[in-house]
Amino acid sequence: MTQPLLQRVLVIMPAWNEGLAVGNTVREVLARPERYDILVVDDGSSDDTAAVAAAAGATVLNLPFNLGVGGAMRAGFKYASRHGYDAVIQVDADGQHDPKDIAVVLQGLSEADISIGARFADKGNYTVSGPRKWAMLFLAKTISRLAGTKLTDVTSGFRAANTRGIAQYLDHYPAEYLGDTIDSLVVAIRSGCKVTQVPVEMRERQAGTPSHNPFKAAIYLGRSIFALLFALTRKPSVLVHTEPEIKVN
């Protein structure tokens, strides 16, 4: 189940209109001594995200229109599977995920199939309040019971997966709001994947505008509970995956 030695790691960066930040984020990751490969999935951006990412040294996968983080990550997982990567890790294009913590999150795969970089695990000073905090606490407690281990940040997008985790994601990785974090994690656990977390620090967004505003925060609680209930109704996946035939025109 575990994979202590990772030979080829793909960093997947879903990016939507992140032209001001993605270039620096790519360069920071490429500067790491671990020498990661980077795939930026341009999620139908209307700015120069794709061009900036490519100029910084990333491989760029262009989606024809905006699919959301879930759709972008599905495309990234398919790319990783077809190119034989041993592990993948999602890193935000806006620079909030510190590249030095990539190796820390990947290390969690020595004992699990999915490793979460947790913002609320006694490291850093990242905080949330109001409905968003209540939702995160409720989700963490509920999913911890499912996983059989303590998880404090189940909505974190800073997470890695080994080949077993990638195979499960290929069979089921939703594109719905919160589905890419809550739904995907619940189904992975119910399908037999082992999940762990490691503490990480979050940085300020390097450029652009945060995606969450007061209105979104107010409805976060309801949507997160709905996402959890919906995930619990899904059938667990069987961890066997066959790649579809790729047609080349």
Protein backbone atom coordinates (compact mmCIF):
# COMPACT_ATOMS: atom_id res chain seq x y z
CA MET A 1 0.00 0.00 0.00
CA THR A 2 2.77 2.41 0.87
CA GLN A 3 5.39 3.82 -1.43
CA PRO A 4 8.50 4.96 0.45
CA LEU A 5 10.65 5.60 -2.63
CA LEU A 6 9.34 8.14 -5.13
CA GLN A 7 11.38 8.23 -8.31
CA ARG A 8 9.25 10.52 -10.47
CA VAL A 9 7.05 13.21 -8.97
CA LEU A 10 4.71 15.51 -10.88
CA VAL A 11 3.65 18.82 -9.39
CA ILE A 12 0.20 19.70 -10.73
CA MET A 13 -0.82 23.37 -10.64
CA PRO A 14 -4.42 24.11 -11.60
CA ALA A 15 -4.46 27.75 -12.70
CA TRP A 16 -7.26 30.08 -13.71
CA ASN A 17 -6.26 33.67 -14.54
CA GLU A 18 -3.09 33.45 -12.43
CA GLY A 19 -0.81 35.24 -14.89
CA LEU A 20 0.51 37.59 -12.19
CA ALA A 21 1.58 34.80 -9.83
CA VAL A 22 2.11 31.54 -11.69
CA GLY A 23 5.49 32.41 -13.19
CA ASN A 24 7.14 33.06 -9.85
CA THR A 25 5.50 29.97 -8.32
CA VAL A 26 6.82 27.75 -11.12
CA ARG A 27 10.32 29.20 -10.80
CA GLU A 28 10.31 28.63 -7.02
CA VAL A 29 9.36 24.98 -7.44
CA LEU A 30 11.91 24.41 -10.20
CA ALA A 31 14.59 25.92 -7.94
CA ARG A 32 14.09 23.18 -5.37
CA PRO A 33 16.94 20.63 -5.19
CA GLU A 34 14.47 17.75 -5.59
CA ARG A 35 14.00 18.63 -9.29
CA TYR A 36 10.25 18.16 -9.66
CA ASP A 37 8.44 18.10 -12.99
CA ILE A 38 5.65 20.70 -13.20
CA LEU A 39 2.38 20.54 -15.11
CA VAL A 40 0.35 23.74 -15.12
CA VAL A 41 -3.24 23.04 -16.11
CA ASP A 42 -4.52 26.29 -17.59
CA ASP A 43 -8.21 26.10 -16.71
CA GLY A 44 -9.62 28.20 -19.53
CA SER A 45 -7.88 31.41 -18.46
CA SER A 46 -8.63 34.66 -20.24
CA ASP A 47 -5.24 36.17 -19.34
CA ASP A 48 -1.66 35.12 -20.15
CA THR A 49 -1.45 32.32 -17.54
CA ALA A 50 -0.42 29.66 -20.08
CA ALA A 51 2.28 31.78 -21.73
CA VAL A 52 3.75 32.94 -18.41
CA ALA A 53 3.83 29.38 -17.03
CA ALA A 54 5.52 28.02 -20.15
CA ALA A 55 8.09 30.81 -20.15
CA ALA A 56 8.91 29.99 -16.52
CA GLY A 57 9.68 26.38 -17.44
CA ALA A 58 6.47 24.42 -16.82
CA THR A 59 4.73 22.01 -19.13
CA VAL A 60 1.31 23.52 -19.83
CA LEU A 61 -1.94 21.68 -20.50
CA ASN A 62 -4.58 24.02 -21.91
CA LEU A 63 -8.24 23.31 -21.20
CA PRO A 64 -10.66 24.82 -23.74
CA PHE A 65 -12.88 26.36 -21.05
CA ASN A 66 -13.06 26.71 -17.28
CA LEU A 67 -13.82 23.40 -15.56
CA GLY A 68 -12.92 24.35 -12.00
CA VAL A 69 -10.22 22.85 -9.81
CA GLY A 70 -11.76 19.38 -9.90
CA GLY A 71 -11.81 19.24 -13.70
CA ALA A 72 -8.29 20.63 -13.93
CA MET A 73 -6.96 18.08 -11.46
CA ARG A 74 -8.64 15.20 -13.30
CA ALA A 75 -6.77 16.27 -16.42
CA GLY A 76 -3.54 16.41 -14.41
CA PHE A 77 -4.07 12.92 -12.97
CA LYS A 78 -4.63 11.49 -16.46
CA TYR A 79 -1.42 13.13 -17.64
CA ALA A 80 0.50 11.71 -14.67
CA SER A 81 -0.87 8.20 -15.21
CA ARG A 82 -0.12 8.18 -18.92
CA HIS A 83 3.43 9.40 -18.33
CA GLY A 84 4.24 6.92 -15.59
CA TYR A 85 4.71 9.18 -12.56
CA ASP A 86 5.14 7.55 -9.15
CA ALA A 87 3.39 10.37 -7.29
CA VAL A 88 1.62 13.66 -7.81
CA ILE A 89 1.16 16.68 -5.60
CA GLN A 90 -1.23 19.58 -6.05
CA VAL A 91 0.32 23.01 -5.55
CA ASP A 92 -1.61 26.28 -5.81
CA ALA A 93 -0.46 28.56 -8.62
CA ASP A 94 -0.93 31.65 -6.44
CA GLY A 95 2.08 30.87 -4.24
CA GLN A 96 0.25 30.13 -0.99
CA HIS A 97 1.77 26.64 -0.80
CA ASP A 98 5.43 26.96 0.14
CA PRO A 99 7.58 24.88 -2.28
CA LYS A 100 9.87 23.84 0.58
CA ASP A 101 6.93 21.91 2.06
CA ILE A 102 6.40 19.81 -1.08
CA ALA A 103 8.98 17.28 0.12
CA VAL A 104 7.34 17.27 3.56
CA VAL A 105 3.93 16.40 2.14
CA LEU A 106 5.41 13.77 -0.18
CA GLN A 107 7.11 12.13 2.78
CA GLY A 108 3.67 11.28 4.11
CA LEU A 109 3.35 8.81 1.23
CA SER A 110 5.85 6.57 3.02
CA GLU A 111 2.94 5.49 5.21
CA ALA A 112 -0.17 6.33 3.23
CA ASP A 113 -1.68 6.59 -0.26
CA ILE A 114 -2.80 10.21 0.17
CA SER A 115 -0.90 12.82 2.18
CA ILE A 116 -2.50 16.14 3.14
CA GLY A 117 -0.54 19.29 3.92
CA ALA A 118 -2.51 20.47 6.96
CA ARG A 119 -2.76 24.16 7.84
CA PHE A 120 -4.17 23.50 11.31
CA ALA A 121 -1.62 21.08 12.75
CA ASP A 122 0.41 23.22 15.16
CA LYS A 123 2.53 24.88 12.49
CA GLY A 124 2.19 28.38 11.06
CA ASN A 125 -0.44 30.98 11.91
CA TYR A 126 -3.12 30.34 9.29
CA THR A 127 -6.58 30.99 10.75
CA VAL A 128 -10.21 31.08 9.66
CA SER A 129 -13.33 32.21 11.48
CA GLY A 130 -17.11 32.19 11.34
CA PRO A 131 -19.07 29.67 9.22
CA ARG A 132 -15.94 28.58 7.38
CA LYS A 133 -14.27 27.58 10.67
CA TRP A 134 -17.37 25.73 11.90
CA ALA A 135 -17.58 23.81 8.63
CA MET A 136 -13.91 22.85 8.72
CA LEU A 137 -14.16 21.60 12.31
CA PHE A 138 -17.28 19.54 11.54
CA LEU A 139 -15.78 18.06 8.38
CA ALA A 140 -12.48 17.26 10.06
CA LYS A 141 -14.15 15.44 12.93
CA THR A 142 -16.47 13.44 10.67
CA ILE A 143 -13.85 12.43 8.10
CA SER A 144 -11.33 11.60 10.83
CA ARG A 145 -13.77 8.92 12.03
CA LEU A 146 -14.03 7.51 8.52
CA ALA A 147 -10.26 7.51 8.06
CA GLY A 148 -9.47 6.10 11.49
CA THR A 149 -6.88 8.81 12.07
CA LYS A 150 -6.90 12.44 13.19
CA LEU A 151 -7.26 14.89 10.31
CA THR A 152 -7.50 18.61 11.00
CA ASP A 153 -7.60 20.11 7.51
CA VAL A 154 -9.65 18.01 5.13
CA THR A 155 -10.32 20.93 2.76
CA SER A 156 -6.63 21.54 2.07
CA GLY A 157 -5.72 21.39 -1.61
CA PHE A 158 -2.05 20.85 -0.78
CA ARG A 159 -2.10 17.06 -1.05
CA ALA A 160 -0.12 14.27 -2.64
CA ALA A 161 -1.02 10.80 -3.90
CA ASN A 162 0.94 7.70 -4.86
CA THR A 163 0.06 5.41 -7.77
CA ARG A 164 -2.73 3.76 -5.78
CA GLY A 165 -4.20 7.15 -4.94
CA ILE A 166 -3.86 8.31 -8.55
CA ALA A 167 -5.70 5.21 -9.79
CA GLN A 168 -8.55 5.87 -7.37
CA TYR A 169 -8.75 9.52 -8.43
CA LEU A 170 -8.90 8.52 -12.09
CA ASP A 171 -11.98 6.43 -11.33
CA HIS A 172 -13.60 9.09 -9.19
CA TYR A 173 -12.55 12.72 -8.88
CA PRO A 174 -15.52 15.11 -8.90
CA ALA A 175 -15.61 18.60 -10.33
CA GLU A 176 -18.35 19.93 -8.06
CA TYR A 177 -17.69 22.75 -5.60
CA LEU A 178 -15.82 21.21 -2.62
CA GLY A 179 -15.96 17.87 -4.42
CA ASP A 180 -12.27 17.99 -5.24
CA THR A 181 -11.48 18.06 -1.51
CA ILE A 182 -14.36 16.58 0.51
CA ASP A 183 -15.98 14.20 -1.95
CA SER A 184 -12.72 12.88 -3.39
CA LEU A 185 -11.26 12.28 0.06
CA VAL A 186 -14.30 10.46 1.43
CA VAL A 187 -14.57 8.15 -1.57
CA ALA A 188 -10.82 7.47 -1.51
CA ILE A 189 -11.04 6.43 2.15
CA ARG A 190 -14.08 4.24 1.55
CA SER A 191 -12.26 2.65 -1.42
CA GLY A 192 -9.41 1.53 0.81
CA CYS A 193 -6.87 4.31 0.46
CA LYS A 194 -4.93 5.18 3.60
CA VAL A 195 -4.78 8.91 4.39
CA THR A 196 -2.38 10.86 6.57
CA GLN A 197 -1.54 14.52 7.17
CA VAL A 198 1.61 16.50 7.83
CA PRO A 199 1.83 20.06 9.19
CA VAL A 200 2.68 22.85 6.74
CA GLU A 201 2.74 26.64 6.75
CA MET A 202 0.66 28.73 4.41
CA ARG A 203 1.89 31.93 2.80
CA GLU A 204 -0.01 34.99 1.62
CA ARG A 205 -1.29 34.90 -1.95
CA GLN A 206 1.50 36.31 -4.11
CA ALA A 207 -0.80 38.18 -6.50
CA GLY A 208 -4.39 38.36 -7.68
CA THR A 209 -7.63 38.27 -5.72
CA PRO A 210 -8.63 35.57 -3.20
CA SER A 211 -11.47 33.38 -4.44
CA HIS A 212 -13.41 33.57 -1.16
CA ASN A 213 -15.51 36.60 -0.28
CA PRO A 214 -17.97 37.22 2.59
CA PHE A 215 -20.88 35.84 0.59
CA LYS A 216 -19.05 32.60 -0.22
CA ALA A 217 -17.99 32.26 3.41
CA ALA A 218 -21.61 32.57 4.51
CA ILE A 219 -22.75 29.65 2.34
CA TYR A 220 -19.63 27.53 2.90
CA LEU A 221 -21.13 25.66 5.83
CA GLY A 222 -24.20 24.50 3.92
CA ARG A 223 -22.28 23.49 0.81
CA SER A 224 -19.63 21.60 2.75
CA ILE A 225 -22.22 19.55 4.65
CA PHE A 226 -24.03 18.83 1.38
CA ALA A 227 -20.74 17.75 -0.23
CA LEU A 228 -20.08 15.38 2.67
CA LEU A 229 -23.56 13.84 2.58
CA PHE A 230 -23.35 13.46 -1.19
CA ALA A 231 -19.94 11.78 -0.89
CA LEU A 232 -21.29 9.27 1.60
CA THR A 233 -23.92 8.16 -0.91
CA ARG A 234 -21.36 7.38 -3.62
CA LYS A 235 -20.26 3.80 -4.12
CA PRO A 236 -16.63 3.09 -3.21
CA SER A 237 -14.35 2.55 -6.20
CA VAL A 238 -12.50 -0.65 -6.96
CA LEU A 239 -8.83 0.29 -7.24
CA VAL A 240 -8.28 -1.17 -10.69
CA HIS A 241 -8.02 1.26 -13.59
CA THR A 242 -7.57 0.72 -17.30
CA GLU A 243 -6.53 3.68 -19.43
CA PRO A 244 -8.82 4.38 -22.38
CA GLU A 245 -7.32 4.18 -25.86
CA ILE A 246 -5.71 7.47 -26.86
CA LYS A 247 -6.53 8.48 -30.41
CA VAL A 248 -4.04 10.65 -32.24
CA ASN A 249 -5.28 12.57 -35.22
